[in-house]
Amino acid sequence: MNEAMNVLNLREKEILTARRLSDESITLEDLSKKYKISRERIRQIETKAFEKLQKAMLTAAKIDNLLPKN
């Protein structure tokens, strides 16, 4: 997973980690204040970052022959 995280930019990593990978997730409101963007934009960045991470992990699994190459 750490290798797959390299496909994300710094802001995406921070938002995804804060929202999904920490014991106590940070609210959209708190992140919106930190980055000075709307809560909706934070949510969009989180969703896109999660999709990028999933794709990178699937690609890595296929390369390592952990999944069929369908």
PDB file of N, CA and C in Angstrom:
ATOM      1  N   MET A   1       0.823  -1.191   0.000  1.00  0.00           N
ATOM      2  CA  MET A   1       0.000   0.000   0.000  1.00  0.00           C
ATOM      3  C   MET A   1       0.867   1.254   0.000  1.00  0.00           C
ATOM      4  N   ASN A   2       1.982   1.195   0.711  1.00  0.00           N
ATOM      5  CA  ASN A   2       2.855   2.374   0.750  1.00  0.00           C
ATOM      6  C   ASN A   2       3.349   2.748  -0.642  1.00  0.00           C
ATOM      7  N   GLU A   3       3.667   1.744  -1.459  1.00  0.00           N
ATOM      8  CA  GLU A   3       4.096   2.030  -2.827  1.00  0.00           C
ATOM      9  C   GLU A   3       2.964   2.670  -3.619  1.00  0.00           C
ATOM     10  N   ALA A   4       1.761   2.152  -3.437  1.00  0.00           N
ATOM     11  CA  ALA A   4       0.609   2.687  -4.155  1.00  0.00           C
ATOM     12  C   ALA A   4       0.335   4.134  -3.753  1.00  0.00           C
ATOM     13  N   MET A   5       0.634   4.490  -2.505  1.00  0.00           N
ATOM     14  CA  MET A   5       0.415   5.865  -2.031  1.00  0.00           C
ATOM     15  C   MET A   5       1.270   6.863  -2.805  1.00  0.00           C
ATOM     16  N   ASN A   6       2.331   6.384  -3.455  1.00  0.00           N
ATOM     17  CA  ASN A   6       3.203   7.280  -4.209  1.00  0.00           C
ATOM     18  C   ASN A   6       2.520   7.882  -5.433  1.00  0.00           C
ATOM     19  N   VAL A   7       1.375   7.321  -5.856  1.00  0.00           N
ATOM     20  CA  VAL A   7       0.656   7.895  -7.001  1.00  0.00           C
ATOM     21  C   VAL A   7      -0.109   9.145  -6.598  1.00  0.00           C
ATOM     22  N   LEU A   8      -0.253   9.382  -5.309  1.00  0.00           N
ATOM     23  CA  LEU A   8      -1.000  10.536  -4.811  1.00  0.00           C
ATOM     24  C   LEU A   8      -0.079  11.723  -4.570  1.00  0.00           C
ATOM     25  N   ASN A   9      -0.604  12.923  -4.786  1.00  0.00           N
ATOM     26  CA  ASN A   9       0.174  14.100  -4.431  1.00  0.00           C
ATOM     27  C   ASN A   9       0.063  14.331  -2.918  1.00  0.00           C
ATOM     28  N   LEU A  10       0.812  15.254  -2.402  1.00  0.00           N
ATOM     29  CA  LEU A  10       0.879  15.470  -0.958  1.00  0.00           C
ATOM     30  C   LEU A  10      -0.489  15.782  -0.351  1.00  0.00           C
ATOM     31  N   ARG A  11      -1.234  16.659  -0.975  1.00  0.00           N
ATOM     32  CA  ARG A  11      -2.551  17.028  -0.449  1.00  0.00           C
ATOM     33  C   ARG A  11      -3.497  15.834  -0.441  1.00  0.00           C
ATOM     34  N   GLU A  12      -3.481  15.047  -1.518  1.00  0.00           N
ATOM     35  CA  GLU A  12      -4.325  13.859  -1.575  1.00  0.00           C
ATOM     36  C   GLU A  12      -3.947  12.866  -0.474  1.00  0.00           C
ATOM     37  N   LYS A  13      -2.644  12.674  -0.280  1.00  0.00           N
ATOM     38  CA  LYS A  13      -2.176  11.761   0.781  1.00  0.00           C
ATOM     39  C   LYS A  13      -2.650  12.227   2.149  1.00  0.00           C
ATOM     40  N   GLU A  14      -2.483  13.511   2.415  1.00  0.00           N
ATOM     41  CA  GLU A  14      -2.870  14.051   3.719  1.00  0.00           C
ATOM     42  C   GLU A  14      -4.371  13.924   3.962  1.00  0.00           C
ATOM     43  N   ILE A  15      -5.166  14.244   2.952  1.00  0.00           N
ATOM     44  CA  ILE A  15      -6.617  14.173   3.100  1.00  0.00           C
ATOM     45  C   ILE A  15      -7.070  12.733   3.258  1.00  0.00           C
ATOM     46  N   LEU A  16      -6.572  11.838   2.423  1.00  0.00           N
ATOM     47  CA  LEU A  16      -6.965  10.428   2.514  1.00  0.00           C
ATOM     48  C   LEU A  16      -6.537   9.824   3.851  1.00  0.00           C
ATOM     49  N   THR A  17      -5.348  10.132   4.283  1.00  0.00           N
ATOM     50  CA  THR A  17      -4.869   9.627   5.573  1.00  0.00           C
ATOM     51  C   THR A  17      -5.713  10.166   6.720  1.00  0.00           C
ATOM     52  N   ALA A  18      -5.999  11.443   6.671  1.00  0.00           N
ATOM     53  CA  ALA A  18      -6.786  12.061   7.749  1.00  0.00           C
ATOM     54  C   ALA A  18      -8.212  11.525   7.797  1.00  0.00           C
ATOM     55  N   ARG A  19      -8.790  11.248   6.637  1.00  0.00           N
ATOM     56  CA  ARG A  19     -10.195  10.839   6.585  1.00  0.00           C
ATOM     57  C   ARG A  19     -10.398   9.335   6.730  1.00  0.00           C
ATOM     58  N   ARG A  20      -9.487   8.522   6.201  1.00  0.00           N
ATOM     59  CA  ARG A  20      -9.741   7.078   6.150  1.00  0.00           C
ATOM     60  C   ARG A  20      -8.697   6.203   6.831  1.00  0.00           C
ATOM     61  N   LEU A  21      -7.501   6.706   7.035  1.00  0.00           N
ATOM     62  CA  LEU A  21      -6.438   5.837   7.530  1.00  0.00           C
ATOM     63  C   LEU A  21      -5.966   6.162   8.943  1.00  0.00           C
ATOM     64  N   SER A  22      -6.639   7.053   9.613  1.00  0.00           N
ATOM     65  CA  SER A  22      -6.252   7.377  10.984  1.00  0.00           C
ATOM     66  C   SER A  22      -7.302   6.847  11.950  1.00  0.00           C
ATOM     67  N   ASP A  23      -6.900   6.642  13.183  1.00  0.00           N
ATOM     68  CA  ASP A  23      -7.821   6.113  14.193  1.00  0.00           C
ATOM     69  C   ASP A  23      -9.002   7.043  14.420  1.00  0.00           C
ATOM     70  N   GLU A  24      -8.736   8.327  14.461  1.00  0.00           N
ATOM     71  CA  GLU A  24      -9.803   9.318  14.612  1.00  0.00           C
ATOM     72  C   GLU A  24      -9.799  10.211  13.378  1.00  0.00           C
ATOM     73  N   SER A  25     -10.784  10.008  12.508  1.00  0.00           N
ATOM     74  CA  SER A  25     -10.789  10.768  11.266  1.00  0.00           C
ATOM     75  C   SER A  25     -11.095  12.240  11.523  1.00  0.00           C
ATOM     76  N   ILE A  26     -10.481  13.060  10.723  1.00  0.00           N
ATOM     77  CA  ILE A  26     -10.672  14.502  10.808  1.00  0.00           C
ATOM     78  C   ILE A  26     -11.903  14.866   9.971  1.00  0.00           C
ATOM     79  N   THR A  27     -12.689  15.790  10.441  1.00  0.00           N
ATOM     80  CA  THR A  27     -13.921  16.151   9.744  1.00  0.00           C
ATOM     81  C   THR A  27     -13.637  16.920   8.457  1.00  0.00           C
ATOM     82  N   LEU A  28     -14.603  16.873   7.559  1.00  0.00           N
ATOM     83  CA  LEU A  28     -14.500  17.660   6.332  1.00  0.00           C
ATOM     84  C   LEU A  28     -14.363  19.140   6.663  1.00  0.00           C
ATOM     85  N   GLU A  29     -15.085  19.561   7.691  1.00  0.00           N
ATOM     86  CA  GLU A  29     -15.036  20.968   8.120  1.00  0.00           C
ATOM     87  C   GLU A  29     -13.621  21.370   8.519  1.00  0.00           C
ATOM     88  N   ASP A  30     -12.972  20.557   9.336  1.00  0.00           N
ATOM     89  CA  ASP A  30     -11.614  20.873   9.793  1.00  0.00           C
ATOM     90  C   ASP A  30     -10.629  20.902   8.624  1.00  0.00           C
ATOM     91  N   LEU A  31     -10.758  19.954   7.723  1.00  0.00           N
ATOM     92  CA  LEU A  31      -9.856  19.933   6.564  1.00  0.00           C
ATOM     93  C   LEU A  31     -10.139  21.101   5.628  1.00  0.00           C
ATOM     94  N   SER A  32     -11.394  21.480   5.507  1.00  0.00           N
ATOM     95  CA  SER A  32     -11.717  22.616   4.634  1.00  0.00           C
ATOM     96  C   SER A  32     -11.102  23.906   5.167  1.00  0.00           C
ATOM     97  N   LYS A  33     -11.058  24.044   6.477  1.00  0.00           N
ATOM     98  CA  LYS A  33     -10.415  25.218   7.078  1.00  0.00           C
ATOM     99  C   LYS A  33      -8.903  25.179   6.868  1.00  0.00           C
ATOM    100  N   LYS A  34      -8.313  24.000   7.025  1.00  0.00           N
ATOM    101  CA  LYS A  34      -6.864  23.852   6.861  1.00  0.00           C
ATOM    102  C   LYS A  34      -6.429  24.206   5.434  1.00  0.00           C
ATOM    103  N   TYR A  35      -7.159  23.703   4.433  1.00  0.00           N
ATOM    104  CA  TYR A  35      -6.775  23.916   3.039  1.00  0.00           C
ATOM    105  C   TYR A  35      -7.454  25.112   2.390  1.00  0.00           C
ATOM    106  N   LYS A  36      -8.369  25.766   3.151  1.00  0.00           N
ATOM    107  CA  LYS A  36      -9.085  26.941   2.662  1.00  0.00           C
ATOM    108  C   LYS A  36      -9.855  26.653   1.373  1.00  0.00           C
ATOM    109  N   ILE A  37     -10.516  25.487   1.368  1.00  0.00           N
ATOM    110  CA  ILE A  37     -11.409  25.108   0.277  1.00  0.00           C
ATOM    111  C   ILE A  37     -12.686  24.533   0.905  1.00  0.00           C
ATOM    112  N   SER A  38     -13.709  24.345   0.098  1.00  0.00           N
ATOM    113  CA  SER A  38     -14.996  23.891   0.638  1.00  0.00           C
ATOM    114  C   SER A  38     -14.953  22.433   1.108  1.00  0.00           C
ATOM    115  N   ARG A  39     -15.905  22.105   1.954  1.00  0.00           N
ATOM    116  CA  ARG A  39     -16.034  20.707   2.416  1.00  0.00           C
ATOM    117  C   ARG A  39     -16.301  19.799   1.230  1.00  0.00           C
ATOM    118  N   GLU A  40     -17.108  20.258   0.293  1.00  0.00           N
ATOM    119  CA  GLU A  40     -17.413  19.459  -0.891  1.00  0.00           C
ATOM    120  C   GLU A  40     -16.156  19.173  -1.700  1.00  0.00           C
ATOM    121  N   ARG A  41     -15.281  20.170  -1.829  1.00  0.00           N
ATOM    122  CA  ARG A  41     -14.029  19.962  -2.570  1.00  0.00           C
ATOM    123  C   ARG A  41     -13.140  18.960  -1.837  1.00  0.00           C
ATOM    124  N   ILE A  42     -13.104  19.016  -0.517  1.00  0.00           N
ATOM    125  CA  ILE A  42     -12.341  18.036   0.269  1.00  0.00           C
ATOM    126  C   ILE A  42     -12.881  16.644  -0.012  1.00  0.00           C
ATOM    127  N   ARG A  43     -14.212  16.511   0.000  1.00  0.00           N
ATOM    128  CA  ARG A  43     -14.840  15.217  -0.256  1.00  0.00           C
ATOM    129  C   ARG A  43     -14.494  14.712  -1.657  1.00  0.00           C
ATOM    130  N   GLN A  44     -14.483  15.600  -2.642  1.00  0.00           N
ATOM    131  CA  GLN A  44     -14.132  15.221  -4.009  1.00  0.00           C
ATOM    132  C   GLN A  44     -12.686  14.751  -4.099  1.00  0.00           C
ATOM    133  N   ILE A  45     -11.792  15.472  -3.446  1.00  0.00           N
ATOM    134  CA  ILE A  45     -10.372  15.098  -3.447  1.00  0.00           C
ATOM    135  C   ILE A  45     -10.194  13.742  -2.774  1.00  0.00           C
ATOM    136  N   GLU A  46     -10.878  13.540  -1.658  1.00  0.00           N
ATOM    137  CA  GLU A  46     -10.803  12.260  -0.940  1.00  0.00           C
ATOM    138  C   GLU A  46     -11.265  11.109  -1.833  1.00  0.00           C
ATOM    139  N   THR A  47     -12.385  11.289  -2.501  1.00  0.00           N
ATOM    140  CA  THR A  47     -12.935  10.245  -3.374  1.00  0.00           C
ATOM    141  C   THR A  47     -11.993   9.933  -4.523  1.00  0.00           C
ATOM    142  N   LYS A  48     -11.481  10.975  -5.171  1.00  0.00           N
ATOM    143  CA  LYS A  48     -10.576  10.779  -6.295  1.00  0.00           C
ATOM    144  C   LYS A  48      -9.271  10.114  -5.846  1.00  0.00           C
ATOM    145  N   ALA A  49      -8.759  10.531  -4.707  1.00  0.00           N
ATOM    146  CA  ALA A  49      -7.530   9.935  -4.178  1.00  0.00           C
ATOM    147  C   ALA A  49      -7.741   8.463  -3.851  1.00  0.00           C
ATOM    148  N   PHE A  50      -8.891   8.125  -3.276  1.00  0.00           N
ATOM    149  CA  PHE A  50      -9.188   6.735  -2.949  1.00  0.00           C
ATOM    150  C   PHE A  50      -9.268   5.892  -4.218  1.00  0.00           C
ATOM    151  N   GLU A  51      -9.890   6.428  -5.261  1.00  0.00           N
ATOM    152  CA  GLU A  51      -9.989   5.714  -6.540  1.00  0.00           C
ATOM    153  C   GLU A  51      -8.605   5.518  -7.163  1.00  0.00           C
ATOM    154  N   LYS A  52      -7.756   6.545  -7.099  1.00  0.00           N
ATOM    155  CA  LYS A  52      -6.391   6.431  -7.622  1.00  0.00           C
ATOM    156  C   LYS A  52      -5.606   5.371  -6.854  1.00  0.00           C
ATOM    157  N   LEU A  53      -5.782   5.350  -5.541  1.00  0.00           N
ATOM    158  CA  LEU A  53      -5.094   4.378  -4.698  1.00  0.00           C
ATOM    159  C   LEU A  53      -5.555   2.956  -5.021  1.00  0.00           C
ATOM    160  N   GLN A  54      -6.855   2.765  -5.169  1.00  0.00           N
ATOM    161  CA  GLN A  54      -7.387   1.446  -5.524  1.00  0.00           C
ATOM    162  C   GLN A  54      -6.813   0.974  -6.859  1.00  0.00           C
ATOM    163  N   LYS A  55      -6.790   1.851  -7.843  1.00  0.00           N
ATOM    164  CA  LYS A  55      -6.289   1.496  -9.168  1.00  0.00           C
ATOM    165  C   LYS A  55      -4.808   1.118  -9.102  1.00  0.00           C
ATOM    166  N   ALA A  56      -4.036   1.886  -8.354  1.00  0.00           N
ATOM    167  CA  ALA A  56      -2.609   1.599  -8.217  1.00  0.00           C
ATOM    168  C   ALA A  56      -2.380   0.261  -7.520  1.00  0.00           C
ATOM    169  N   MET A  57      -3.181  -0.037  -6.513  1.00  0.00           N
ATOM    170  CA  MET A  57      -3.029  -1.298  -5.798  1.00  0.00           C
ATOM    171  C   MET A  57      -3.418  -2.482  -6.686  1.00  0.00           C
ATOM    172  N   LEU A  58      -4.486  -2.332  -7.471  1.00  0.00           N
ATOM    173  CA  LEU A  58      -4.871  -3.393  -8.398  1.00  0.00           C
ATOM    174  C   LEU A  58      -3.806  -3.626  -9.459  1.00  0.00           C
ATOM    175  N   THR A  59      -3.263  -2.550  -9.978  1.00  0.00           N
ATOM    176  CA  THR A  59      -2.202  -2.660 -10.977  1.00  0.00           C
ATOM    177  C   THR A  59      -0.986  -3.365 -10.391  1.00  0.00           C
ATOM    178  N   ALA A  60      -0.602  -2.988  -9.192  1.00  0.00           N
ATOM    179  CA  ALA A  60       0.541  -3.617  -8.532  1.00  0.00           C
ATOM    180  C   ALA A  60       0.283  -5.095  -8.281  1.00  0.00           C
ATOM    181  N   ALA A  61      -0.934  -5.437  -7.896  1.00  0.00           N
ATOM    182  CA  ALA A  61      -1.279  -6.835  -7.642  1.00  0.00           C
ATOM    183  C   ALA A  61      -1.205  -7.645  -8.933  1.00  0.00           C
ATOM    184  N   LYS A  62      -1.655  -7.063 -10.035  1.00  0.00           N
ATOM    185  CA  LYS A  62      -1.592  -7.761 -11.323  1.00  0.00           C
ATOM    186  C   LYS A  62      -0.147  -7.949 -11.764  1.00  0.00           C
ATOM    187  N   ILE A  63       0.681  -6.934 -11.565  1.00  0.00           N
ATOM    188  CA  ILE A  63       2.089  -7.017 -11.936  1.00  0.00           C
ATOM    189  C   ILE A  63       2.785  -8.110 -11.122  1.00  0.00           C
ATOM    190  N   ASP A  64       2.421  -8.224  -9.867  1.00  0.00           N
ATOM    191  CA  ASP A  64       3.017  -9.223  -8.988  1.00  0.00           C
ATOM    192  C   ASP A  64       2.343 -10.592  -9.128  1.00  0.00           C
ATOM    193  N   ASN A  65       1.482 -10.734 -10.134  1.00  0.00           N
ATOM    194  CA  ASN A  65       0.749 -11.979 -10.395  1.00  0.00           C
ATOM    195  C   ASN A  65      -0.103 -12.431  -9.211  1.00  0.00           C
ATOM    196  N   LEU A  66      -0.658 -11.496  -8.484  1.00  0.00           N
ATOM    197  CA  LEU A  66      -1.550 -11.824  -7.372  1.00  0.00           C
ATOM    198  C   LEU A  66      -2.995 -11.901  -7.832  1.00  0.00           C
ATOM    199  N   LEU A  67      -3.284 -11.306  -8.982  1.00  0.00           N
ATOM    200  CA  LEU A  67      -4.626 -11.326  -9.552  1.00  0.00           C
ATOM    201  C   LEU A  67      -4.544 -11.755 -11.008  1.00  0.00           C
ATOM    202  N   PRO A  68      -5.616 -12.325 -11.547  1.00  0.00           N
ATOM    203  CA  PRO A  68      -5.613 -12.653 -12.973  1.00  0.00           C
ATOM    204  C   PRO A  68      -5.540 -11.378 -13.809  1.00  0.00           C
ATOM    205  N   LYS A  69      -4.957 -11.467 -14.984  1.00  0.00           N
ATOM    206  CA  LYS A  69      -4.760 -10.291 -15.847  1.00  0.00           C
ATOM    207  C   LYS A  69      -5.940 -10.059 -16.770  1.00  0.00           C
ATOM    208  N   ASN A  70      -7.141 -10.165 -16.284  1.00  0.00           N
ATOM    209  CA  ASN A  70      -8.354  -9.965 -17.101  1.00  0.00           C
ATOM    210  C   ASN A  70      -8.544  -8.529 -17.447  1.00  0.00           C
TER     211      ASN A  70
END
